[in-house]
Amino acid sequence: MRPGPRDAITDIAGLVVGQAQDAALRSGVTVLTGEAPFTASVDVMGGAPGSRETDLLAPDRLVPGVDALVLAGGSAFGLDAASGVAEALRSAGRGFEAAGQRVPIVPAAILFDLGNGGDKAWRTNPYAALGRAALDAAGGEVAQGSHGAGYGATTATLRGGIGTASLVLESGHRVGALVAVNAVGSATVGEGPQFWAAPWEIGAEFGGLGPAMPPPGPPPTKLAAPGAATTIAIVATDAALDKAGCRRMAVAAQDGIARALVPAHTPFDGDLVFAASTGARPLGGPAEALWLGHAASVCLARAIARAVYHAAPDGPLPSWQERFGR
């Protein structure tokens, strides 16, 4: 397996990503959309999720595809970002037709960044406008670090952010990941610069420092600020998967969170993973599905480390570059 040409989730042909953030608010929105509706499902392993329209993604539900997936800051207020995205898609003629109306399907997940020092004294919810702005900005390039839904994100010890990665499998299928990292736990080992995801690093994409032995005792966490957490992600592929196949890929991708953040899937995290399929390439058999899941977990682990590695030095916690950069 090797990275795709962008090493981003947009290496899946037909998918684009848009991001918008508000520096005063210290929050933002990230949107994944496509040239056409795509198949999607979801898996949730954290104990404190926040989401919209995820019930539609169950394999036994009627809706066959979605028009966009949204990751947002803002806790429950951030769910309004999906309304802004849906309104903009409807204006563009997107969505399924019902009773003469176009109804875009826009599932969303949020993270809690309300305690990061930004200006939250607004009277009108800003997330719908941020959602529209993120959709308007959609394209092939994906800025990493302090952007979009990851703008105000933190981990236990360092600033969090947005990360992405991709892989091309031997079968020719492509897999990518996009993640907003705001975890209870830490992406780095102890007080040092090494990332938990180091065994999965390709080249020196997040410093090339190699793995480190964990120190004795419990790892650092944000338990002093319960609720100020959640890692939310999307994994995607061009392999032809139905909603059940997407769900299995989302389940496998959760391993990437556990490989890159310690502790993971805590009662205070949301830890939600969407999985999406454009269906462009047929799947050869069960063995190829197995490698899709493995690639999704590796991409997600790498994307988490890249999110923290690229975060800007501006926030309540130091960035990785500020603390360890040479």
Protein backbone atom coordinates (compact mmCIF):
# COMPACT_ATOMS: atom_id res chain seq x y z
CA MET A 1 0.00 0.00 0.00
CA ARG A 2 1.15 3.53 -0.79
CA PRO A 3 -0.33 7.00 -0.30
CA GLY A 4 -2.41 8.52 -3.06
CA PRO A 5 -1.19 11.57 -4.99
CA ARG A 6 -2.61 14.08 -2.48
CA ASP A 7 -2.33 11.76 0.53
CA ALA A 8 -5.81 12.98 1.40
CA ILE A 9 -9.37 11.70 1.42
CA THR A 10 -9.88 13.60 -1.84
CA ASP A 11 -7.74 10.97 -3.56
CA ILE A 12 -11.10 9.20 -3.83
CA ALA A 13 -12.27 10.47 -7.23
CA GLY A 14 -15.45 12.51 -7.01
CA LEU A 15 -15.06 13.55 -3.37
CA VAL A 16 -14.15 17.07 -2.26
CA VAL A 17 -13.63 18.74 1.13
CA GLY A 18 -14.47 22.27 2.22
CA GLN A 19 -13.56 24.01 5.48
CA ALA A 20 -14.44 27.26 7.23
CA GLN A 21 -13.51 28.62 10.63
CA ASP A 22 -14.00 31.71 12.77
CA ALA A 23 -10.87 32.80 14.64
CA ALA A 24 -12.84 34.77 17.25
CA LEU A 25 -15.21 31.87 17.84
CA ARG A 26 -12.26 29.45 17.84
CA SER A 27 -14.36 26.87 16.03
CA GLY A 28 -15.28 25.75 12.55
CA VAL A 29 -16.82 23.28 10.14
CA THR A 30 -15.50 20.67 7.71
CA VAL A 31 -17.67 19.22 4.91
CA LEU A 32 -17.16 16.19 2.68
CA THR A 33 -19.35 16.12 -0.42
CA GLY A 34 -19.28 14.56 -3.85
CA GLU A 35 -20.21 15.00 -7.47
CA ALA A 36 -23.15 12.68 -6.80
CA PRO A 37 -24.80 11.12 -3.73
CA PHE A 38 -22.71 8.37 -2.13
CA THR A 39 -23.36 5.41 0.12
CA ALA A 40 -22.56 5.93 3.80
CA SER A 41 -22.87 4.39 7.23
CA VAL A 42 -21.54 5.10 10.72
CA ASP A 43 -20.12 3.53 13.88
CA VAL A 44 -20.00 5.13 17.34
CA MET A 45 -17.73 3.86 20.13
CA GLY A 46 -17.38 6.83 22.46
CA GLY A 47 -19.72 7.43 25.37
CA ALA A 48 -20.68 11.06 24.58
CA PRO A 49 -21.58 11.41 20.88
CA GLY A 50 -23.48 14.22 19.23
CA SER A 51 -24.92 13.66 15.77
CA ARG A 52 -27.65 14.33 13.22
CA GLU A 53 -29.41 11.89 10.84
CA THR A 54 -27.15 8.97 11.71
CA ASP A 55 -30.15 6.64 12.12
CA LEU A 56 -30.68 6.93 8.35
CA LEU A 57 -27.29 5.29 7.80
CA ALA A 58 -28.28 1.92 9.30
CA PRO A 59 -28.28 -0.83 6.64
CA ASP A 60 -32.04 -1.45 7.06
CA ARG A 61 -33.04 2.20 6.55
CA LEU A 62 -34.63 3.42 3.32
CA VAL A 63 -32.31 6.26 2.22
CA PRO A 64 -29.69 4.77 -0.15
CA GLY A 65 -27.22 7.67 -0.27
CA VAL A 66 -26.18 10.99 1.23
CA ASP A 67 -25.23 14.32 -0.32
CA ALA A 68 -22.63 15.41 2.26
CA LEU A 69 -21.14 14.57 5.64
CA VAL A 70 -20.40 17.32 8.16
CA LEU A 71 -17.89 17.51 11.01
CA ALA A 72 -18.31 20.57 13.26
CA GLY A 73 -17.20 22.15 16.49
CA GLY A 74 -19.66 23.83 18.80
CA SER A 75 -21.17 20.87 20.64
CA ALA A 76 -24.93 20.65 20.01
CA PHE A 77 -24.92 24.13 18.45
CA GLY A 78 -22.60 22.82 15.74
CA LEU A 79 -25.29 20.49 14.42
CA ASP A 80 -26.79 23.58 12.78
CA ALA A 81 -23.87 23.49 10.33
CA ALA A 82 -25.67 20.66 8.55
CA SER A 83 -28.70 22.92 8.07
CA GLY A 84 -26.53 25.48 6.29
CA VAL A 85 -25.02 22.78 4.09
CA ALA A 86 -28.45 21.31 3.30
CA GLU A 87 -29.87 24.72 2.38
CA ALA A 88 -26.97 25.41 0.02
CA LEU A 89 -27.24 21.96 -1.59
CA ARG A 90 -30.98 22.43 -2.06
CA SER A 91 -30.36 25.77 -3.76
CA ALA A 92 -27.98 23.93 -6.12
CA GLY A 93 -30.70 21.38 -6.97
CA ARG A 94 -29.21 18.58 -4.89
CA GLY A 95 -31.13 16.09 -2.77
CA PHE A 96 -33.73 13.39 -3.34
CA GLU A 97 -37.07 14.43 -4.79
CA ALA A 98 -40.13 14.19 -2.54
CA ALA A 99 -43.49 15.90 -3.11
CA GLY A 100 -41.90 18.17 -5.66
CA GLN A 101 -39.13 19.26 -3.27
CA ARG A 102 -35.42 18.54 -3.14
CA VAL A 103 -34.29 17.19 0.23
CA PRO A 104 -30.50 16.86 0.71
CA ILE A 105 -29.37 14.20 3.19
CA VAL A 106 -26.58 15.64 5.36
CA PRO A 107 -25.58 13.58 8.41
CA ALA A 108 -23.35 15.40 10.87
CA ALA A 109 -21.25 14.88 13.98
CA ILE A 110 -19.95 17.43 16.46
CA LEU A 111 -17.15 17.84 18.98
CA PHE A 112 -17.15 19.89 22.18
CA ASP A 113 -14.91 22.96 21.91
CA LEU A 114 -16.97 25.44 23.91
CA GLY A 115 -14.34 25.81 26.63
CA ASN A 116 -11.40 26.77 24.43
CA GLY A 117 -11.45 30.51 25.14
CA GLY A 118 -13.24 31.64 22.00
CA ASP A 119 -16.05 34.18 21.90
CA LYS A 120 -19.21 32.14 22.48
CA ALA A 121 -21.46 35.09 23.41
CA TRP A 122 -23.25 35.11 20.04
CA ARG A 123 -27.03 35.63 19.78
CA THR A 124 -27.47 33.98 16.37
CA ASN A 125 -26.03 30.50 15.92
CA PRO A 126 -23.00 30.94 13.62
CA TYR A 127 -22.67 27.34 12.50
CA ALA A 128 -25.21 27.37 9.64
CA ALA A 129 -23.22 30.18 7.98
CA LEU A 130 -19.97 28.31 8.62
CA GLY A 131 -21.49 25.21 7.04
CA ARG A 132 -22.45 27.15 3.91
CA ALA A 133 -18.99 28.72 3.75
CA ALA A 134 -17.31 25.33 4.10
CA LEU A 135 -19.42 23.88 1.28
CA ASP A 136 -18.62 26.87 -0.94
CA ALA A 137 -14.90 26.26 -0.33
CA ALA A 138 -15.01 22.56 -1.27
CA GLY A 139 -12.19 21.32 -3.47
CA GLY A 140 -9.43 18.76 -3.76
CA GLU A 141 -6.87 20.29 -1.40
CA VAL A 142 -7.34 19.64 2.33
CA ALA A 143 -5.59 21.99 4.76
CA GLN A 144 -4.42 20.17 7.90
CA GLY A 145 -3.97 21.29 11.48
CA SER A 146 -5.90 24.33 12.71
CA HIS A 147 -8.68 24.43 10.14
CA GLY A 148 -12.39 23.70 9.90
CA ALA A 149 -13.88 21.54 12.62
CA GLY A 150 -10.44 21.14 14.18
CA TYR A 151 -9.72 24.86 14.56
CA GLY A 152 -10.41 24.98 18.30
CA ALA A 153 -9.69 21.33 19.08
CA THR A 154 -7.33 20.08 21.78
CA THR A 155 -5.95 16.81 23.13
CA ALA A 156 -4.80 16.08 26.68
CA THR A 157 -1.47 17.85 26.23
CA LEU A 158 -1.37 19.55 22.80
CA ARG A 159 -3.54 21.43 20.35
CA GLY A 160 -5.62 19.16 18.10
CA GLY A 161 -6.85 19.80 14.58
CA ILE A 162 -7.89 18.37 11.22
CA GLY A 163 -5.92 15.60 9.56
CA THR A 164 -6.22 13.50 6.43
CA ALA A 165 -4.40 10.60 4.74
CA SER A 166 -4.92 8.06 1.97
CA LEU A 167 -3.70 4.70 0.72
CA VAL A 168 -3.83 2.88 -2.61
CA LEU A 169 -4.26 -0.88 -2.15
CA GLU A 170 -2.70 -3.61 -4.28
CA SER A 171 -6.17 -4.22 -5.72
CA GLY A 172 -6.18 -0.63 -7.02
CA HIS A 173 -8.89 0.50 -4.59
CA ARG A 174 -8.33 3.75 -2.74
CA VAL A 175 -9.08 4.51 0.90
CA GLY A 176 -8.87 7.84 2.68
CA ALA A 177 -9.53 9.34 6.11
CA LEU A 178 -10.50 12.78 7.41
CA VAL A 179 -10.56 13.48 11.15
CA ALA A 180 -11.14 16.26 13.68
CA VAL A 181 -9.06 15.44 16.77
CA ASN A 182 -10.35 16.80 20.10
CA ALA A 183 -9.67 13.80 22.31
CA VAL A 184 -9.75 13.22 26.06
CA GLY A 185 -6.50 11.34 25.58
CA SER A 186 -3.14 12.17 24.03
CA ALA A 187 -1.73 11.62 20.54
CA THR A 188 1.84 11.60 21.87
CA VAL A 189 3.59 9.26 24.29
CA GLY A 190 4.09 10.64 27.79
CA GLU A 191 5.81 14.04 27.79
CA GLY A 192 7.77 13.35 24.61
CA PRO A 193 7.27 14.18 20.92
CA GLN A 194 6.74 10.64 19.63
CA PHE A 195 3.28 9.75 18.36
CA TRP A 196 1.33 6.67 19.37
CA ALA A 197 0.66 6.25 15.62
CA ALA A 198 4.41 6.03 14.85
CA PRO A 199 4.34 2.35 13.72
CA TRP A 200 1.99 3.38 10.89
CA GLU A 201 3.90 6.49 9.78
CA ILE A 202 4.90 6.74 6.12
CA GLY A 203 8.16 8.61 5.60
CA ALA A 204 8.43 11.53 8.02
CA GLU A 205 4.82 12.71 7.65
CA PHE A 206 4.60 13.55 11.35
CA GLY A 207 8.24 13.99 12.29
CA GLY A 208 9.76 10.58 11.57
CA LEU A 209 10.71 10.15 15.23
CA GLY A 210 9.75 6.50 15.53
CA PRO A 211 7.93 4.82 18.41
CA ALA A 212 8.57 5.29 22.14
CA MET A 213 7.94 3.11 25.15
CA PRO A 214 5.07 4.42 27.27
CA PRO A 215 6.12 5.61 30.74
CA PRO A 216 4.70 3.92 33.84
CA GLY A 217 1.46 5.18 35.26
CA PRO A 218 -1.73 6.43 33.65
CA PRO A 219 -1.44 8.55 30.50
CA PRO A 220 -2.42 12.24 30.52
CA THR A 221 -6.10 13.05 29.90
CA LYS A 222 -8.58 15.95 29.91
CA LEU A 223 -10.58 14.38 32.75
CA ALA A 224 -10.39 17.67 34.63
CA ALA A 225 -12.66 19.12 31.94
CA PRO A 226 -15.19 16.35 31.21
CA GLY A 227 -17.22 16.93 28.05
CA ALA A 228 -14.48 18.96 26.32
CA ALA A 229 -13.69 16.16 23.94
CA THR A 230 -14.57 13.87 20.99
CA THR A 231 -12.76 12.66 17.90
CA ILE A 232 -14.98 12.56 14.80
CA ALA A 233 -13.90 11.12 11.47
CA ILE A 234 -14.83 10.03 7.96
CA VAL A 235 -13.23 7.17 6.05
CA ALA A 236 -14.01 6.76 2.38
CA THR A 237 -13.29 4.43 -0.52
CA ASP A 238 -13.98 4.03 -4.23
CA ALA A 239 -14.76 0.33 -3.66
CA ALA A 240 -18.39 -0.59 -4.31
CA LEU A 241 -19.85 -1.08 -0.83
CA ASP A 242 -23.45 -1.11 0.32
CA LYS A 243 -24.44 0.41 3.66
CA ALA A 244 -23.60 -2.83 5.49
CA GLY A 245 -20.14 -2.85 3.90
CA CYS A 246 -19.63 0.78 4.84
CA ARG A 247 -20.61 -0.01 8.41
CA ARG A 248 -18.01 -2.78 8.58
CA MET A 249 -15.35 -0.39 7.27
CA ALA A 250 -16.33 2.19 9.90
CA VAL A 251 -16.05 -0.45 12.63
CA ALA A 252 -12.57 -1.45 11.43
CA ALA A 253 -11.51 2.20 11.19
CA GLN A 254 -12.20 2.69 14.90
CA ASP A 255 -9.01 0.70 15.49
CA GLY A 256 -7.16 3.67 14.03
CA ILE A 257 -8.41 5.87 16.86
CA ALA A 258 -7.20 3.32 19.41
CA ARG A 259 -3.79 3.13 17.70
CA ALA A 260 -3.30 6.90 17.68
CA LEU A 261 -4.96 8.18 20.89
CA VAL A 262 -4.50 6.90 24.45
CA PRO A 263 -6.90 6.40 26.11
CA ALA A 264 -9.53 6.03 23.39
CA HIS A 265 -13.30 5.44 23.27
CA THR A 266 -13.73 6.84 26.77
CA PRO A 267 -17.11 7.71 28.37
CA PHE A 268 -16.28 11.39 27.70
CA ASP A 269 -15.44 11.03 23.99
CA GLY A 270 -17.88 10.77 21.09
CA ASP A 271 -15.49 8.78 18.84
CA LEU A 272 -17.75 8.57 15.79
CA VAL A 273 -16.61 7.33 12.37
CA PHE A 274 -18.61 7.79 9.17
CA ALA A 275 -17.73 5.54 6.23
CA ALA A 276 -18.49 6.48 2.63
CA SER A 277 -18.30 4.67 -0.72
CA THR A 278 -18.49 6.21 -4.19
CA GLY A 279 -18.95 2.72 -5.66
CA ALA A 280 -16.66 3.44 -8.60
CA ARG A 281 -14.65 0.18 -8.48
CA PRO A 282 -16.15 -3.31 -8.04
CA LEU A 283 -14.97 -5.32 -5.05
CA GLY A 284 -13.33 -8.62 -5.95
CA GLY A 285 -14.30 -10.61 -2.88
CA PRO A 286 -14.20 -10.86 0.93
CA ALA A 287 -10.40 -10.65 1.08
CA GLU A 288 -10.44 -7.25 -0.59
CA ALA A 289 -13.05 -6.05 1.94
CA LEU A 290 -10.69 -7.15 4.72
CA TRP A 291 -7.89 -4.97 3.36
CA LEU A 292 -10.25 -2.03 2.95
CA GLY A 293 -10.93 -2.13 6.70
CA HIS A 294 -7.24 -2.44 7.54
CA ALA A 295 -6.36 0.46 5.24
CA ALA A 296 -9.12 2.60 6.78
CA SER A 297 -7.72 2.05 10.28
CA VAL A 298 -4.15 2.83 9.16
CA CYS A 299 -5.27 5.96 7.32
CA LEU A 300 -7.22 7.15 10.36
CA ALA A 301 -4.28 6.59 12.74
CA ARG A 302 -1.98 8.54 10.40
CA ALA A 303 -4.55 11.32 9.93
CA ILE A 304 -4.88 11.76 13.71
CA ALA A 305 -1.12 12.20 14.14
CA ARG A 306 -0.96 14.55 11.15
CA ALA A 307 -3.75 16.69 12.62
CA VAL A 308 -1.76 17.27 15.80
CA TYR A 309 1.58 17.59 13.98
CA HIS A 310 0.28 20.39 11.73
CA ALA A 311 -1.67 22.37 14.36
CA ALA A 312 -0.80 26.07 14.58
CA PRO A 313 0.81 27.60 17.70
CA ASP A 314 -2.22 29.57 18.81
CA GLY A 315 -4.47 28.31 21.57
CA PRO A 316 -4.96 27.37 25.20
CA LEU A 317 -2.49 24.50 24.78
CA PRO A 318 0.84 24.48 22.92
CA SER A 319 0.98 23.00 19.45
CA TRP A 320 3.29 20.08 18.66
CA GLN A 321 5.45 22.38 16.53
CA GLU A 322 5.64 24.98 19.29
CA ARG A 323 6.72 22.43 21.87
CA PHE A 324 8.84 19.99 19.85
CA GLY A 325 9.49 21.48 16.41
CA ARG A 326 13.05 22.06 15.39
